Amino acid sequence: MFKFCKFTFFLLIISFLGLRSELLVMIDPAGDANKTGRKIGDSFERTVAFKMAGALKKKLHDYYGIRGVLTRYPGEEIEYLQNASFAGRLNVDFYLSLHVFGHELVKPTILLYNLVYNPMVDFALRSVSPGKFIPVQQAHFFNIKKTLFYGRCIKNHLTQEHYIKNFDFYGVFGIPIKSLVGVIAPALAIEVGISNEDQWENLINPIIESLSFLSW
């Protein structure tokens, strides 16, 4: 019954968003009912990622009037490629995979990734017909140049001098990151390293401000 209600709810979202004119950003907090991650203080990586994703969603709307949607409910179990399918059905404009890990360093760390298997192949010029079947492993080809542009925008913002004392930034790294497989929309993964479960709160505004390109 629950699965049927959830499916019906998603159909209603899809029908409603089919009429939308505003941008839609999907945020995917890493972890699910079976993947809690390691402990951070009295919490877990999964819980902190979900809290952070919710805060990013709210700030996107407050700052830019951009609608955000999360890939899961708290405690929901996620199947492989389920999020990519969800993003495709909603035709999202930007997909952000959010990962949180605990570390012993006092200073937080932000790392940024995009999906790349082979730079020589992935960035090759190609013409893709909208009606042509595209393998899951090649879905990121559609918007890989826009993804790279978005990544550079975020990097340029978060490496400004006044942020150096607040956190360390690394990236953009092109790797075969599993959480972005199958996503057609421009898609990036942010990994945040924190030393306590509340430290992420200080990173929300810098990250949101680095996404200002979405409102251009």
C-alpha atoms as a PDB file:
ATOM      1  CA  MET A   1       0.000   0.000   0.000  1.00  0.00           C
ATOM      2  CA  PHE A   2       2.820   2.374   0.934  1.00  0.00           C
ATOM      3  CA  LYS A   3       4.661   1.700  -2.329  1.00  0.00           C
ATOM      4  CA  PHE A   4       1.460   2.348  -4.300  1.00  0.00           C
ATOM      5  CA  CYS A   5       0.844   5.654  -2.491  1.00  0.00           C
ATOM      6  CA  LYS A   6       4.446   6.713  -3.019  1.00  0.00           C
ATOM      7  CA  PHE A   7       4.248   5.856  -6.712  1.00  0.00           C
ATOM      8  CA  THR A   8       1.000   7.822  -7.040  1.00  0.00           C
ATOM      9  CA  PHE A   9       2.617  10.754  -5.243  1.00  0.00           C
ATOM     10  CA  PHE A  10       5.549  10.731  -7.689  1.00  0.00           C
ATOM     11  CA  LEU A  11       3.120  10.668 -10.619  1.00  0.00           C
ATOM     12  CA  LEU A  12       1.375  13.735  -9.234  1.00  0.00           C
ATOM     13  CA  ILE A  13       4.732  15.492  -8.875  1.00  0.00           C
ATOM     14  CA  ILE A  14       5.668  14.608 -12.442  1.00  0.00           C
ATOM     15  CA  SER A  15       2.294  15.828 -13.766  1.00  0.00           C
ATOM     16  CA  PHE A  16       2.583  19.082 -11.863  1.00  0.00           C
ATOM     17  CA  LEU A  17       6.199  19.737 -12.805  1.00  0.00           C
ATOM     18  CA  GLY A  18       5.366  19.051 -16.432  1.00  0.00           C
ATOM     19  CA  LEU A  19       3.673  22.446 -16.378  1.00  0.00           C
ATOM     20  CA  ARG A  20       6.541  24.213 -14.615  1.00  0.00           C
ATOM     21  CA  SER A  21       8.544  27.074 -16.050  1.00  0.00           C
ATOM     22  CA  GLU A  22      11.006  27.504 -13.154  1.00  0.00           C
ATOM     23  CA  LEU A  23      14.249  25.599 -12.762  1.00  0.00           C
ATOM     24  CA  LEU A  24      14.265  22.310 -10.889  1.00  0.00           C
ATOM     25  CA  VAL A  25      17.270  21.026  -8.952  1.00  0.00           C
ATOM     26  CA  MET A  26      17.427  17.477  -7.616  1.00  0.00           C
ATOM     27  CA  ILE A  27      19.564  16.892  -4.524  1.00  0.00           C
ATOM     28  CA  ASP A  28      20.623  13.356  -3.679  1.00  0.00           C
ATOM     29  CA  PRO A  29      21.797  12.882  -0.062  1.00  0.00           C
ATOM     30  CA  ALA A  30      24.016   9.814   0.063  1.00  0.00           C
ATOM     31  CA  GLY A  31      22.869   6.838   2.091  1.00  0.00           C
ATOM     32  CA  ASP A  32      19.534   5.151   2.653  1.00  0.00           C
ATOM     33  CA  ALA A  33      17.802   2.744   5.048  1.00  0.00           C
ATOM     34  CA  ASN A  34      20.571   0.170   4.571  1.00  0.00           C
ATOM     35  CA  LYS A  35      23.537   2.524   4.296  1.00  0.00           C
ATOM     36  CA  THR A  36      23.880   4.678   7.392  1.00  0.00           C
ATOM     37  CA  GLY A  37      27.551   5.413   6.865  1.00  0.00           C
ATOM     38  CA  ARG A  38      30.007   5.974   9.697  1.00  0.00           C
ATOM     39  CA  LYS A  39      29.292   7.883  12.867  1.00  0.00           C
ATOM     40  CA  ILE A  40      29.861  11.628  13.120  1.00  0.00           C
ATOM     41  CA  GLY A  41      29.524  12.583  16.773  1.00  0.00           C
ATOM     42  CA  ASP A  42      26.176  11.214  17.926  1.00  0.00           C
ATOM     43  CA  SER A  43      24.823  10.969  14.382  1.00  0.00           C
ATOM     44  CA  PHE A  44      25.596   9.134  11.134  1.00  0.00           C
ATOM     45  CA  GLU A  45      26.847  10.310   7.740  1.00  0.00           C
ATOM     46  CA  ARG A  46      23.470   9.453   6.190  1.00  0.00           C
ATOM     47  CA  THR A  47      21.541  11.577   8.700  1.00  0.00           C
ATOM     48  CA  VAL A  48      23.852  14.564   8.356  1.00  0.00           C
ATOM     49  CA  ALA A  49      23.721  14.371   4.547  1.00  0.00           C
ATOM     50  CA  PHE A  50      19.911  14.395   4.634  1.00  0.00           C
ATOM     51  CA  LYS A  51      19.811  17.407   6.954  1.00  0.00           C
ATOM     52  CA  MET A  52      22.287  19.248   4.762  1.00  0.00           C
ATOM     53  CA  ALA A  53      20.339  18.396   1.602  1.00  0.00           C
ATOM     54  CA  GLY A  54      17.154  19.765   3.162  1.00  0.00           C
ATOM     55  CA  ALA A  55      18.912  23.002   4.092  1.00  0.00           C
ATOM     56  CA  LEU A  56      20.314  23.372   0.559  1.00  0.00           C
ATOM     57  CA  LYS A  57      16.853  22.820  -0.905  1.00  0.00           C
ATOM     58  CA  LYS A  58      15.369  25.556   1.301  1.00  0.00           C
ATOM     59  CA  LYS A  59      18.181  28.014   0.589  1.00  0.00           C
ATOM     60  CA  LEU A  60      17.896  27.465  -3.165  1.00  0.00           C
ATOM     61  CA  HIS A  61      14.322  28.657  -2.958  1.00  0.00           C
ATOM     62  CA  ASP A  62      15.085  31.493  -0.533  1.00  0.00           C
ATOM     63  CA  TYR A  63      18.051  32.817  -2.535  1.00  0.00           C
ATOM     64  CA  TYR A  64      17.003  32.225  -6.117  1.00  0.00           C
ATOM     65  CA  GLY A  65      13.390  31.069  -6.148  1.00  0.00           C
ATOM     66  CA  ILE A  66      14.566  27.719  -7.523  1.00  0.00           C
ATOM     67  CA  ARG A  67      12.516  24.627  -6.764  1.00  0.00           C
ATOM     68  CA  GLY A  68      14.420  21.735  -5.246  1.00  0.00           C
ATOM     69  CA  VAL A  69      13.459  18.104  -4.728  1.00  0.00           C
ATOM     70  CA  LEU A  70      15.212  15.388  -2.713  1.00  0.00           C
ATOM     71  CA  THR A  71      15.705  11.897  -4.091  1.00  0.00           C
ATOM     72  CA  ARG A  72      14.432  10.096  -1.018  1.00  0.00           C
ATOM     73  CA  TYR A  73      12.488  10.214   2.220  1.00  0.00           C
ATOM     74  CA  PRO A  74      14.264   9.605   5.541  1.00  0.00           C
ATOM     75  CA  GLY A  75      14.756   5.870   5.963  1.00  0.00           C
ATOM     76  CA  GLU A  76      13.796   4.996   2.393  1.00  0.00           C
ATOM     77  CA  GLU A  77      15.764   2.268   0.608  1.00  0.00           C
ATOM     78  CA  ILE A  78      17.158   3.314  -2.771  1.00  0.00           C
ATOM     79  CA  GLU A  79      17.789   0.913  -5.652  1.00  0.00           C
ATOM     80  CA  TYR A  80      20.687   1.364  -8.071  1.00  0.00           C
ATOM     81  CA  LEU A  81      19.793   3.844 -10.860  1.00  0.00           C
ATOM     82  CA  GLN A  82      16.488   4.707  -9.160  1.00  0.00           C
ATOM     83  CA  ASN A  83      17.609   8.309  -8.609  1.00  0.00           C
ATOM     84  CA  ALA A  84      18.829   8.677 -12.187  1.00  0.00           C
ATOM     85  CA  SER A  85      15.461   7.417 -13.448  1.00  0.00           C
ATOM     86  CA  PHE A  86      13.624   9.819 -11.135  1.00  0.00           C
ATOM     87  CA  ALA A  87      15.759  12.733 -12.387  1.00  0.00           C
ATOM     88  CA  GLY A  88      15.033  11.771 -15.992  1.00  0.00           C
ATOM     89  CA  ARG A  89      11.283  11.582 -15.420  1.00  0.00           C
ATOM     90  CA  LEU A  90      11.243  15.017 -13.799  1.00  0.00           C
ATOM     91  CA  ASN A  91      13.581  16.413 -16.476  1.00  0.00           C
ATOM     92  CA  VAL A  92      15.622  18.222 -13.821  1.00  0.00           C
ATOM     93  CA  ASP A  93      17.890  21.114 -14.770  1.00  0.00           C
ATOM     94  CA  PHE A  94      20.691  20.229 -12.365  1.00  0.00           C
ATOM     95  CA  TYR A  95      21.519  17.166 -10.266  1.00  0.00           C
ATOM     96  CA  LEU A  96      23.627  17.414  -7.123  1.00  0.00           C
ATOM     97  CA  SER A  97      24.837  14.316  -5.298  1.00  0.00           C
ATOM     98  CA  LEU A  98      25.743  15.138  -1.703  1.00  0.00           C
ATOM     99  CA  HIS A  99      28.116  13.062   0.413  1.00  0.00           C
ATOM    100  CA  VAL A 100      29.270  13.691   3.983  1.00  0.00           C
ATOM    101  CA  PHE A 101      32.135  12.058   5.850  1.00  0.00           C
ATOM    102  CA  GLY A 102      33.679  12.557   9.254  1.00  0.00           C
ATOM    103  CA  HIS A 103      37.340  13.374   9.678  1.00  0.00           C
ATOM    104  CA  GLU A 104      39.643  14.472  12.485  1.00  0.00           C
ATOM    105  CA  LEU A 105      40.704  17.755  10.915  1.00  0.00           C
ATOM    106  CA  VAL A 106      39.270  20.858  12.557  1.00  0.00           C
ATOM    107  CA  LYS A 107      38.937  22.598   9.207  1.00  0.00           C
ATOM    108  CA  PRO A 108      36.126  21.332   6.946  1.00  0.00           C
ATOM    109  CA  THR A 109      36.859  20.030   3.455  1.00  0.00           C
ATOM    110  CA  ILE A 110      34.795  20.327   0.287  1.00  0.00           C
ATOM    111  CA  LEU A 111      35.558  18.118  -2.721  1.00  0.00           C
ATOM    112  CA  LEU A 112      33.832  18.337  -6.091  1.00  0.00           C
ATOM    113  CA  TYR A 113      33.473  15.572  -8.703  1.00  0.00           C
ATOM    114  CA  ASN A 114      31.915  14.954 -12.092  1.00  0.00           C
ATOM    115  CA  LEU A 115      31.415  11.650 -13.871  1.00  0.00           C
ATOM    116  CA  VAL A 116      34.199  10.772 -16.324  1.00  0.00           C
ATOM    117  CA  TYR A 117      35.268   7.314 -17.447  1.00  0.00           C
ATOM    118  CA  ASN A 118      37.774   8.241 -20.138  1.00  0.00           C
ATOM    119  CA  PRO A 119      38.473  11.930 -20.934  1.00  0.00           C
ATOM    120  CA  MET A 120      39.412  11.117 -24.545  1.00  0.00           C
ATOM    121  CA  VAL A 121      36.052   9.416 -25.082  1.00  0.00           C
ATOM    122  CA  ASP A 122      33.724  11.310 -22.762  1.00  0.00           C
ATOM    123  CA  PHE A 123      34.636  14.781 -24.038  1.00  0.00           C
ATOM    124  CA  ALA A 124      34.756  13.827 -27.721  1.00  0.00           C
ATOM    125  CA  LEU A 125      32.546  15.884 -30.023  1.00  0.00           C
ATOM    126  CA  ARG A 126      29.446  13.947 -30.972  1.00  0.00           C
ATOM    127  CA  SER A 127      25.945  14.478 -32.263  1.00  0.00           C
ATOM    128  CA  VAL A 128      23.262  12.643 -30.285  1.00  0.00           C
ATOM    129  CA  SER A 129      19.764  12.291 -31.678  1.00  0.00           C
ATOM    130  CA  PRO A 130      17.070  12.943 -29.006  1.00  0.00           C
ATOM    131  CA  GLY A 131      15.188   9.803 -30.041  1.00  0.00           C
ATOM    132  CA  LYS A 132      18.209   7.527 -30.069  1.00  0.00           C
ATOM    133  CA  PHE A 133      18.675   4.944 -27.308  1.00  0.00           C
ATOM    134  CA  ILE A 134      21.616   5.871 -25.099  1.00  0.00           C
ATOM    135  CA  PRO A 135      23.255   3.322 -22.776  1.00  0.00           C
ATOM    136  CA  VAL A 136      23.183   4.214 -19.087  1.00  0.00           C
ATOM    137  CA  GLN A 137      26.966   4.474 -19.006  1.00  0.00           C
ATOM    138  CA  GLN A 138      26.797   7.217 -21.669  1.00  0.00           C
ATOM    139  CA  ALA A 139      23.934   9.313 -20.265  1.00  0.00           C
ATOM    140  CA  HIS A 140      26.354  11.950 -18.957  1.00  0.00           C
ATOM    141  CA  PHE A 141      27.550  12.625 -22.531  1.00  0.00           C
ATOM    142  CA  PHE A 142      24.446  14.782 -23.148  1.00  0.00           C
ATOM    143  CA  ASN A 143      25.476  17.618 -20.830  1.00  0.00           C
ATOM    144  CA  ILE A 144      29.107  16.933 -20.008  1.00  0.00           C
ATOM    145  CA  LYS A 145      30.310  20.340 -21.268  1.00  0.00           C
ATOM    146  CA  LYS A 146      27.663  22.154 -19.223  1.00  0.00           C
ATOM    147  CA  THR A 147      28.551  20.002 -16.218  1.00  0.00           C
ATOM    148  CA  LEU A 148      32.190  21.008 -16.527  1.00  0.00           C
ATOM    149  CA  PHE A 149      31.192  24.678 -16.809  1.00  0.00           C
ATOM    150  CA  TYR A 150      29.055  24.392 -13.674  1.00  0.00           C
ATOM    151  CA  GLY A 151      31.925  22.734 -11.851  1.00  0.00           C
ATOM    152  CA  ARG A 152      34.285  25.534 -12.779  1.00  0.00           C
ATOM    153  CA  CYS A 153      31.784  28.129 -11.574  1.00  0.00           C
ATOM    154  CA  ILE A 154      31.546  26.415  -8.201  1.00  0.00           C
ATOM    155  CA  LYS A 155      35.318  26.065  -7.963  1.00  0.00           C
ATOM    156  CA  ASN A 156      35.922  29.714  -8.862  1.00  0.00           C
ATOM    157  CA  HIS A 157      33.568  30.800  -6.109  1.00  0.00           C
ATOM    158  CA  LEU A 158      34.707  28.449  -3.354  1.00  0.00           C
ATOM    159  CA  THR A 159      38.406  29.122  -3.919  1.00  0.00           C
ATOM    160  CA  GLN A 160      38.065  32.841  -3.262  1.00  0.00           C
ATOM    161  CA  GLU A 161      40.581  34.165  -0.752  1.00  0.00           C
ATOM    162  CA  HIS A 162      38.078  34.939   2.000  1.00  0.00           C
ATOM    163  CA  TYR A 163      37.069  31.253   2.144  1.00  0.00           C
ATOM    164  CA  ILE A 164      40.569  29.865   2.656  1.00  0.00           C
ATOM    165  CA  LYS A 165      40.429  30.165   6.448  1.00  0.00           C
ATOM    166  CA  ASN A 166      36.981  28.529   6.623  1.00  0.00           C
ATOM    167  CA  PHE A 167      37.456  25.342   4.575  1.00  0.00           C
ATOM    168  CA  ASP A 168      39.708  23.596   2.069  1.00  0.00           C
ATOM    169  CA  PHE A 169      38.413  23.013  -1.459  1.00  0.00           C
ATOM    170  CA  TYR A 170      39.605  20.359  -3.915  1.00  0.00           C
ATOM    171  CA  GLY A 171      38.415  19.544  -7.434  1.00  0.00           C
ATOM    172  CA  VAL A 172      36.875  19.378  -9.919  1.00  0.00           C
ATOM    173  CA  PHE A 173      37.853  15.688 -10.228  1.00  0.00           C
ATOM    174  CA  GLY A 174      36.573  13.655 -13.168  1.00  0.00           C
ATOM    175  CA  ILE A 175      36.132  10.088 -11.922  1.00  0.00           C
ATOM    176  CA  PRO A 176      33.716   7.165 -12.506  1.00  0.00           C
ATOM    177  CA  ILE A 177      31.580   8.106  -9.503  1.00  0.00           C
ATOM    178  CA  LYS A 178      28.673   5.706  -9.059  1.00  0.00           C
ATOM    179  CA  SER A 179      26.145   8.219  -7.692  1.00  0.00           C
ATOM    180  CA  LEU A 180      26.063  10.138 -11.007  1.00  0.00           C
ATOM    181  CA  VAL A 181      25.713   7.172 -13.380  1.00  0.00           C
ATOM    182  CA  GLY A 182      22.674   7.383 -15.639  1.00  0.00           C
ATOM    183  CA  VAL A 183      21.924  11.062 -14.995  1.00  0.00           C
ATOM    184  CA  ILE A 184      21.326  13.008 -18.213  1.00  0.00           C
ATOM    185  CA  ALA A 185      21.109  16.463 -16.625  1.00  0.00           C
ATOM    186  CA  PRO A 186      24.252  18.401 -15.715  1.00  0.00           C
ATOM    187  CA  ALA A 187      25.374  16.542 -12.591  1.00  0.00           C
ATOM    188  CA  LEU A 188      28.024  17.060  -9.941  1.00  0.00           C
ATOM    189  CA  ALA A 189      28.874  15.390  -6.640  1.00  0.00           C
ATOM    190  CA  ILE A 190      29.933  17.330  -3.565  1.00  0.00           C
ATOM    191  CA  GLU A 191      31.713  15.536  -0.734  1.00  0.00           C
ATOM    192  CA  VAL A 192      31.955  17.355   2.586  1.00  0.00           C
ATOM    193  CA  GLY A 193      34.374  16.396   5.343  1.00  0.00           C
ATOM    194  CA  ILE A 194      33.487  17.629   8.838  1.00  0.00           C
ATOM    195  CA  SER A 195      34.773  17.005  12.348  1.00  0.00           C
ATOM    196  CA  ASN A 196      31.429  17.298  14.150  1.00  0.00           C
ATOM    197  CA  GLU A 197      27.799  16.729  13.201  1.00  0.00           C
ATOM    198  CA  ASP A 198      26.835  20.433  13.133  1.00  0.00           C
ATOM    199  CA  GLN A 199      29.820  21.813  11.235  1.00  0.00           C
ATOM    200  CA  TRP A 200      28.014  21.477   7.887  1.00  0.00           C
ATOM    201  CA  GLU A 201      25.782  24.418   8.798  1.00  0.00           C
ATOM    202  CA  ASN A 202      28.678  26.828   8.181  1.00  0.00           C
ATOM    203  CA  LEU A 203      29.084  25.501   4.643  1.00  0.00           C
ATOM    204  CA  ILE A 204      25.514  25.969   3.420  1.00  0.00           C
ATOM    205  CA  ASN A 205      25.724  29.634   2.437  1.00  0.00           C
ATOM    206  CA  PRO A 206      29.061  29.335   0.574  1.00  0.00           C
ATOM    207  CA  ILE A 207      27.758  26.349  -1.403  1.00  0.00           C
ATOM    208  CA  ILE A 208      24.461  28.066  -2.194  1.00  0.00           C
ATOM    209  CA  GLU A 209      26.255  31.222  -3.287  1.00  0.00           C
ATOM    210  CA  SER A 210      28.493  29.125  -5.541  1.00  0.00           C
ATOM    211  CA  LEU A 211      25.334  27.968  -7.358  1.00  0.00           C
ATOM    212  CA  SER A 212      24.388  31.492  -8.431  1.00  0.00           C
ATOM    213  CA  PHE A 213      24.953  30.471 -12.082  1.00  0.00           C
ATOM    214  CA  LEU A 214      21.644  28.627 -11.901  1.00  0.00           C
ATOM    215  CA  SER A 215      19.828  31.955 -11.744  1.00  0.00           C
ATOM    216  CA  TRP A 216      21.611  33.515 -14.735  1.00  0.00           C
END
